[in-house]
Amino acid sequence: MKNVCFVILLIQTMGYPSIAYAEKPKAHLQLSIHAKKTNIQNTIFGFASVIESPKISKNPDVWIALIGPRLDGYGWYLEAMSGAIINHGIGIPILDIRFELNPKMIKIPLYIWGNPRVILGEDSNTFYGFLQINYVLPYKIAFIGIETENLIQSNIKDCSVGPQLVITFKHMHLVTSYQFHTLEKNQFWFRALIHL
């Protein structure tokens, strides 16, 4: 099984540059810092906060700031946060849910993480949804799988799906993905997720 996982990981990693070169995708760099305080007074309750630059390489003036309650269980968590997208000093309110299901809960080596979000605009609301489903490699050195990222506004629907590779460290995940889009150009993403 380890050899099969290694071959899949190698093919996926080696395939990114060739796909990216053929399609000439947009490339994005994202930075996210996630802090949490869990199991306050030995309960499932806690709180979480996120500071994120969705596209720091293209638009470093746009940041997302979120804070809210968190529920923790054996192999899962759920965060219900609110905050704002801050664009050149102007805040746009958002509601954000984040959840995780990991192998402790589902008893198989799968890692599932999702992030539905509603951006509350003046004229209309925007729905954003992100979901990743990954196979956890032995010793949790990496995850390989797929992701989907979708943006739905009143007259725009852009959906995407593509392969994802996550390299794990103690307090950081480095994520690469290639997204095939229905409306926009295909996109290559590199994300640095720091967990405090």
C-alpha atoms as a PDB file:
ATOM      1  CA  MET A   1       0.000   0.000   0.000  1.00  0.00           C
ATOM      2  CA  LYS A   2       2.862   2.392   0.809  1.00  0.00           C
ATOM      3  CA  ASN A   3       4.295   1.899  -2.705  1.00  0.00           C
ATOM      4  CA  VAL A   4       0.934   2.661  -4.325  1.00  0.00           C
ATOM      5  CA  CYS A   5       0.560   5.832  -2.249  1.00  0.00           C
ATOM      6  CA  PHE A   6       4.093   6.907  -3.134  1.00  0.00           C
ATOM      7  CA  VAL A   7       3.450   6.395  -6.861  1.00  0.00           C
ATOM      8  CA  ILE A   8       0.191   8.380  -6.693  1.00  0.00           C
ATOM      9  CA  LEU A   9       1.954  11.158  -4.777  1.00  0.00           C
ATOM     10  CA  LEU A  10       4.813  11.213  -7.296  1.00  0.00           C
ATOM     11  CA  ILE A  11       2.501  11.293 -10.334  1.00  0.00           C
ATOM     12  CA  GLN A  12       0.379  14.034  -8.816  1.00  0.00           C
ATOM     13  CA  THR A  13       3.388  16.167  -7.886  1.00  0.00           C
ATOM     14  CA  MET A  14       5.129  15.671 -11.233  1.00  0.00           C
ATOM     15  CA  GLY A  15       1.902  16.319 -13.132  1.00  0.00           C
ATOM     16  CA  TYR A  16       1.247  19.804 -11.771  1.00  0.00           C
ATOM     17  CA  PRO A  17       3.896  21.630 -13.836  1.00  0.00           C
ATOM     18  CA  SER A  18       2.900  19.944 -17.092  1.00  0.00           C
ATOM     19  CA  ILE A  19      -0.790  20.678 -16.574  1.00  0.00           C
ATOM     20  CA  ALA A  20      -0.045  24.234 -15.533  1.00  0.00           C
ATOM     21  CA  TYR A  21       2.180  24.828 -18.561  1.00  0.00           C
ATOM     22  CA  ALA A  22      -0.378  23.414 -20.999  1.00  0.00           C
ATOM     23  CA  GLU A  23      -3.308  25.428 -19.651  1.00  0.00           C
ATOM     24  CA  LYS A  24      -1.460  28.624 -18.622  1.00  0.00           C
ATOM     25  CA  PRO A  25      -3.519  28.902 -15.415  1.00  0.00           C
ATOM     26  CA  LYS A  26      -3.762  31.739 -12.983  1.00  0.00           C
ATOM     27  CA  ALA A  27      -1.410  31.149 -10.059  1.00  0.00           C
ATOM     28  CA  HIS A  28      -2.360  32.167  -6.524  1.00  0.00           C
ATOM     29  CA  LEU A  29      -0.598  32.226  -3.169  1.00  0.00           C
ATOM     30  CA  GLN A  30      -2.735  32.165  -0.015  1.00  0.00           C
ATOM     31  CA  LEU A  31      -1.666  32.703   3.596  1.00  0.00           C
ATOM     32  CA  SER A  32      -3.922  31.686   6.488  1.00  0.00           C
ATOM     33  CA  ILE A  33      -3.288  31.886  10.241  1.00  0.00           C
ATOM     34  CA  HIS A  34      -5.700  29.892  12.402  1.00  0.00           C
ATOM     35  CA  ALA A  35      -5.741  30.154  16.204  1.00  0.00           C
ATOM     36  CA  LYS A  36      -7.911  28.181  18.581  1.00  0.00           C
ATOM     37  CA  LYS A  37      -8.616  27.588  22.249  1.00  0.00           C
ATOM     38  CA  THR A  38     -10.284  24.213  22.718  1.00  0.00           C
ATOM     39  CA  ASN A  39     -11.995  22.292  25.496  1.00  0.00           C
ATOM     40  CA  ILE A  40     -12.546  25.226  27.819  1.00  0.00           C
ATOM     41  CA  GLN A  41     -13.126  23.814  31.343  1.00  0.00           C
ATOM     42  CA  ASN A  42     -13.105  20.254  29.950  1.00  0.00           C
ATOM     43  CA  THR A  43     -16.104  20.783  27.670  1.00  0.00           C
ATOM     44  CA  ILE A  44     -16.453  20.574  23.879  1.00  0.00           C
ATOM     45  CA  PHE A  45     -16.662  24.373  23.743  1.00  0.00           C
ATOM     46  CA  GLY A  46     -13.920  26.742  22.662  1.00  0.00           C
ATOM     47  CA  PHE A  47     -13.285  29.560  20.232  1.00  0.00           C
ATOM     48  CA  ALA A  48     -11.344  30.105  17.025  1.00  0.00           C
ATOM     49  CA  SER A  49     -10.054  32.962  14.925  1.00  0.00           C
ATOM     50  CA  VAL A  50      -8.639  33.295  11.425  1.00  0.00           C
ATOM     51  CA  ILE A  51      -6.569  35.952   9.683  1.00  0.00           C
ATOM     52  CA  GLU A  52      -6.257  35.203   5.974  1.00  0.00           C
ATOM     53  CA  SER A  53      -4.978  36.789   2.808  1.00  0.00           C
ATOM     54  CA  PRO A  54      -6.920  34.964   0.078  1.00  0.00           C
ATOM     55  CA  LYS A  55      -4.599  36.009  -2.766  1.00  0.00           C
ATOM     56  CA  ILE A  56      -1.562  37.642  -1.177  1.00  0.00           C
ATOM     57  CA  SER A  57       0.465  37.410  -4.396  1.00  0.00           C
ATOM     58  CA  LYS A  58      -2.141  39.237  -6.511  1.00  0.00           C
ATOM     59  CA  ASN A  59      -3.946  41.491  -4.034  1.00  0.00           C
ATOM     60  CA  PRO A  60      -2.069  41.986  -0.737  1.00  0.00           C
ATOM     61  CA  ASP A  61      -4.531  44.684   0.424  1.00  0.00           C
ATOM     62  CA  VAL A  62      -7.397  42.184   0.867  1.00  0.00           C
ATOM     63  CA  TRP A  63      -7.589  40.316   4.180  1.00  0.00           C
ATOM     64  CA  ILE A  64     -10.221  38.234   5.971  1.00  0.00           C
ATOM     65  CA  ALA A  65     -10.617  38.460   9.769  1.00  0.00           C
ATOM     66  CA  LEU A  66     -12.905  35.981  11.583  1.00  0.00           C
ATOM     67  CA  ILE A  67     -13.699  34.978  15.154  1.00  0.00           C
ATOM     68  CA  GLY A  68     -16.327  32.750  16.733  1.00  0.00           C
ATOM     69  CA  PRO A  69     -17.234  29.700  18.821  1.00  0.00           C
ATOM     70  CA  ARG A  70     -15.788  26.237  18.214  1.00  0.00           C
ATOM     71  CA  LEU A  71     -17.044  22.758  19.133  1.00  0.00           C
ATOM     72  CA  ASP A  72     -14.519  19.914  19.444  1.00  0.00           C
ATOM     73  CA  GLY A  73     -15.175  16.198  19.561  1.00  0.00           C
ATOM     74  CA  TYR A  74     -13.247  12.980  19.053  1.00  0.00           C
ATOM     75  CA  GLY A  75     -11.982  13.307  15.475  1.00  0.00           C
ATOM     76  CA  TRP A  76     -14.080  16.331  14.487  1.00  0.00           C
ATOM     77  CA  TYR A  77     -14.575  20.042  15.024  1.00  0.00           C
ATOM     78  CA  LEU A  78     -17.020  22.739  13.949  1.00  0.00           C
ATOM     79  CA  GLU A  79     -16.385  26.492  13.916  1.00  0.00           C
ATOM     80  CA  ALA A  80     -19.099  29.119  13.349  1.00  0.00           C
ATOM     81  CA  MET A  81     -17.386  32.446  12.821  1.00  0.00           C
ATOM     82  CA  SER A  82     -18.240  35.904  11.614  1.00  0.00           C
ATOM     83  CA  GLY A  83     -16.077  38.779  10.535  1.00  0.00           C
ATOM     84  CA  ALA A  84     -15.233  40.775   7.468  1.00  0.00           C
ATOM     85  CA  ILE A  85     -13.334  40.861   4.229  1.00  0.00           C
ATOM     86  CA  ILE A  86     -11.204  43.987   4.522  1.00  0.00           C
ATOM     87  CA  ASN A  87     -10.484  45.520   1.128  1.00  0.00           C
ATOM     88  CA  HIS A  88      -8.434  48.745   1.192  1.00  0.00           C
ATOM     89  CA  GLY A  89      -9.835  49.596   4.629  1.00  0.00           C
ATOM     90  CA  ILE A  90     -13.488  48.845   3.778  1.00  0.00           C
ATOM     91  CA  GLY A  91     -15.108  45.884   5.549  1.00  0.00           C
ATOM     92  CA  ILE A  92     -17.642  43.534   3.941  1.00  0.00           C
ATOM     93  CA  PRO A  93     -19.409  41.279   6.506  1.00  0.00           C
ATOM     94  CA  ILE A  94     -19.179  37.500   6.166  1.00  0.00           C
ATOM     95  CA  LEU A  95     -20.518  34.425   7.947  1.00  0.00           C
ATOM     96  CA  ASP A  96     -18.148  31.463   7.928  1.00  0.00           C
ATOM     97  CA  ILE A  97     -18.479  27.800   8.941  1.00  0.00           C
ATOM     98  CA  ARG A  98     -15.466  25.451   9.089  1.00  0.00           C
ATOM     99  CA  PHE A  99     -15.589  21.759   9.862  1.00  0.00           C
ATOM    100  CA  GLU A 100     -13.252  18.791   9.955  1.00  0.00           C
ATOM    101  CA  LEU A 101     -13.762  15.047  10.077  1.00  0.00           C
ATOM    102  CA  ASN A 102     -10.585  13.020  10.500  1.00  0.00           C
ATOM    103  CA  PRO A 103      -9.627   9.333  10.705  1.00  0.00           C
ATOM    104  CA  LYS A 104     -10.219   9.172  14.477  1.00  0.00           C
ATOM    105  CA  MET A 105     -13.932   9.716  13.876  1.00  0.00           C
ATOM    106  CA  ILE A 106     -14.574   7.966  10.583  1.00  0.00           C
ATOM    107  CA  LYS A 107     -12.238   4.992  11.274  1.00  0.00           C
ATOM    108  CA  ILE A 108     -10.663   5.037   7.803  1.00  0.00           C
ATOM    109  CA  PRO A 109      -7.650   7.086   6.591  1.00  0.00           C
ATOM    110  CA  LEU A 110      -9.709   9.960   5.187  1.00  0.00           C
ATOM    111  CA  TYR A 111      -9.488  13.634   6.079  1.00  0.00           C
ATOM    112  CA  ILE A 112     -12.485  15.821   5.195  1.00  0.00           C
ATOM    113  CA  TRP A 113     -12.447  19.602   5.615  1.00  0.00           C
ATOM    114  CA  GLY A 114     -15.092  22.073   4.494  1.00  0.00           C
ATOM    115  CA  ASN A 115     -15.713  25.810   4.529  1.00  0.00           C
ATOM    116  CA  PRO A 116     -19.099  27.194   3.433  1.00  0.00           C
ATOM    117  CA  ARG A 117     -19.241  30.991   3.628  1.00  0.00           C
ATOM    118  CA  VAL A 118     -21.776  33.728   2.914  1.00  0.00           C
ATOM    119  CA  ILE A 119     -20.501  37.175   1.930  1.00  0.00           C
ATOM    120  CA  LEU A 120     -23.154  39.765   2.771  1.00  0.00           C
ATOM    121  CA  GLY A 121     -23.139  42.344  -0.025  1.00  0.00           C
ATOM    122  CA  GLU A 122     -25.184  45.521  -0.309  1.00  0.00           C
ATOM    123  CA  ASP A 123     -27.151  44.387  -3.376  1.00  0.00           C
ATOM    124  CA  SER A 124     -26.862  40.596  -3.191  1.00  0.00           C
ATOM    125  CA  ASN A 125     -25.179  37.906  -1.142  1.00  0.00           C
ATOM    126  CA  THR A 126     -22.422  35.644  -2.430  1.00  0.00           C
ATOM    127  CA  PHE A 127     -22.096  31.984  -1.472  1.00  0.00           C
ATOM    128  CA  TYR A 128     -18.611  30.478  -1.318  1.00  0.00           C
ATOM    129  CA  GLY A 129     -17.992  26.806  -0.696  1.00  0.00           C
ATOM    130  CA  PHE A 130     -14.773  24.822  -0.308  1.00  0.00           C
ATOM    131  CA  LEU A 131     -14.466  21.085   0.333  1.00  0.00           C
ATOM    132  CA  GLN A 132     -11.444  18.800   0.377  1.00  0.00           C
ATOM    133  CA  ILE A 133     -11.406  15.030   0.748  1.00  0.00           C
ATOM    134  CA  ASN A 134      -7.981  13.470   1.193  1.00  0.00           C
ATOM    135  CA  TYR A 135      -6.400  10.098   1.778  1.00  0.00           C
ATOM    136  CA  VAL A 136      -4.034  10.277   4.760  1.00  0.00           C
ATOM    137  CA  LEU A 137      -0.662   8.703   3.973  1.00  0.00           C
ATOM    138  CA  PRO A 138       1.141   6.629   6.634  1.00  0.00           C
ATOM    139  CA  TYR A 139       2.619   8.629   9.526  1.00  0.00           C
ATOM    140  CA  LYS A 140       0.470  11.596   8.386  1.00  0.00           C
ATOM    141  CA  ILE A 141       3.359  12.983   6.333  1.00  0.00           C
ATOM    142  CA  ALA A 142       1.003  14.060   3.569  1.00  0.00           C
ATOM    143  CA  PHE A 143      -2.581  13.919   2.322  1.00  0.00           C
ATOM    144  CA  ILE A 144      -3.553  13.379  -1.313  1.00  0.00           C
ATOM    145  CA  GLY A 145      -7.011  13.864  -2.722  1.00  0.00           C
ATOM    146  CA  ILE A 146      -9.356  16.324  -4.363  1.00  0.00           C
ATOM    147  CA  GLU A 147     -10.776  19.739  -3.630  1.00  0.00           C
ATOM    148  CA  THR A 148     -13.675  21.738  -4.941  1.00  0.00           C
ATOM    149  CA  GLU A 149     -14.048  25.507  -4.623  1.00  0.00           C
ATOM    150  CA  ASN A 150     -17.236  27.223  -5.752  1.00  0.00           C
ATOM    151  CA  LEU A 151     -18.454  30.813  -5.939  1.00  0.00           C
ATOM    152  CA  ILE A 152     -22.141  31.557  -6.573  1.00  0.00           C
ATOM    153  CA  GLN A 153     -23.495  35.075  -6.977  1.00  0.00           C
ATOM    154  CA  SER A 154     -26.810  36.217  -8.425  1.00  0.00           C
ATOM    155  CA  ASN A 155     -25.609  36.011 -12.043  1.00  0.00           C
ATOM    156  CA  ILE A 156     -22.222  34.247 -11.740  1.00  0.00           C
ATOM    157  CA  LYS A 157     -21.522  30.593 -10.979  1.00  0.00           C
ATOM    158  CA  ASP A 158     -17.902  29.463 -11.022  1.00  0.00           C
ATOM    159  CA  CYS A 159     -17.295  25.910  -9.877  1.00  0.00           C
ATOM    160  CA  SER A 160     -14.016  24.023  -9.759  1.00  0.00           C
ATOM    161  CA  VAL A 161     -12.549  20.637  -8.898  1.00  0.00           C
ATOM    162  CA  GLY A 162      -9.023  19.324  -8.965  1.00  0.00           C
ATOM    163  CA  PRO A 163      -6.252  17.279  -7.345  1.00  0.00           C
ATOM    164  CA  GLN A 164      -4.726  18.391  -4.067  1.00  0.00           C
ATOM    165  CA  LEU A 165      -1.529  17.577  -2.192  1.00  0.00           C
ATOM    166  CA  VAL A 166      -1.050  18.549   1.476  1.00  0.00           C
ATOM    167  CA  ILE A 167       2.348  18.315   3.175  1.00  0.00           C
ATOM    168  CA  THR A 168       1.909  18.328   6.949  1.00  0.00           C
ATOM    169  CA  PHE A 169       4.124  19.746   9.683  1.00  0.00           C
ATOM    170  CA  LYS A 170       3.401  20.123  13.388  1.00  0.00           C
ATOM    171  CA  HIS A 171       1.855  23.600  13.143  1.00  0.00           C
ATOM    172  CA  MET A 172       1.614  24.128   9.390  1.00  0.00           C
ATOM    173  CA  HIS A 173       0.134  22.625   6.257  1.00  0.00           C
ATOM    174  CA  LEU A 174       1.531  23.411   2.807  1.00  0.00           C
ATOM    175  CA  VAL A 175      -1.127  22.790   0.174  1.00  0.00           C
ATOM    176  CA  THR A 176      -0.847  22.672  -3.607  1.00  0.00           C
ATOM    177  CA  SER A 177      -3.763  22.175  -5.927  1.00  0.00           C
ATOM    178  CA  TYR A 178      -4.741  22.549  -9.548  1.00  0.00           C
ATOM    179  CA  GLN A 179      -8.359  23.586 -10.134  1.00  0.00           C
ATOM    180  CA  PHE A 180     -10.321  23.011 -13.330  1.00  0.00           C
ATOM    181  CA  HIS A 181     -12.889  25.850 -13.520  1.00  0.00           C
ATOM    182  CA  THR A 182     -16.225  26.113 -15.304  1.00  0.00           C
ATOM    183  CA  LEU A 183     -16.142  29.890 -15.820  1.00  0.00           C
ATOM    184  CA  GLU A 184     -12.705  31.317 -15.079  1.00  0.00           C
ATOM    185  CA  LYS A 185      -9.298  30.129 -16.273  1.00  0.00           C
ATOM    186  CA  ASN A 186      -7.934  27.062 -14.520  1.00  0.00           C
ATOM    187  CA  GLN A 187      -5.980  27.934 -11.374  1.00  0.00           C
ATOM    188  CA  PHE A 188      -2.896  26.693  -9.553  1.00  0.00           C
ATOM    189  CA  TRP A 189      -2.949  27.309  -5.803  1.00  0.00           C
ATOM    190  CA  PHE A 190      -0.212  27.236  -3.185  1.00  0.00           C
ATOM    191  CA  ARG A 191      -1.499  27.716   0.372  1.00  0.00           C
ATOM    192  CA  ALA A 192       0.406  28.091   3.629  1.00  0.00           C
ATOM    193  CA  LEU A 193      -1.844  27.330   6.608  1.00  0.00           C
ATOM    194  CA  ILE A 194      -0.367  28.107  10.021  1.00  0.00           C
ATOM    195  CA  HIS A 195      -2.115  26.612  13.083  1.00  0.00           C
ATOM    196  CA  LEU A 196      -1.475  28.254  16.460  1.00  0.00           C
END
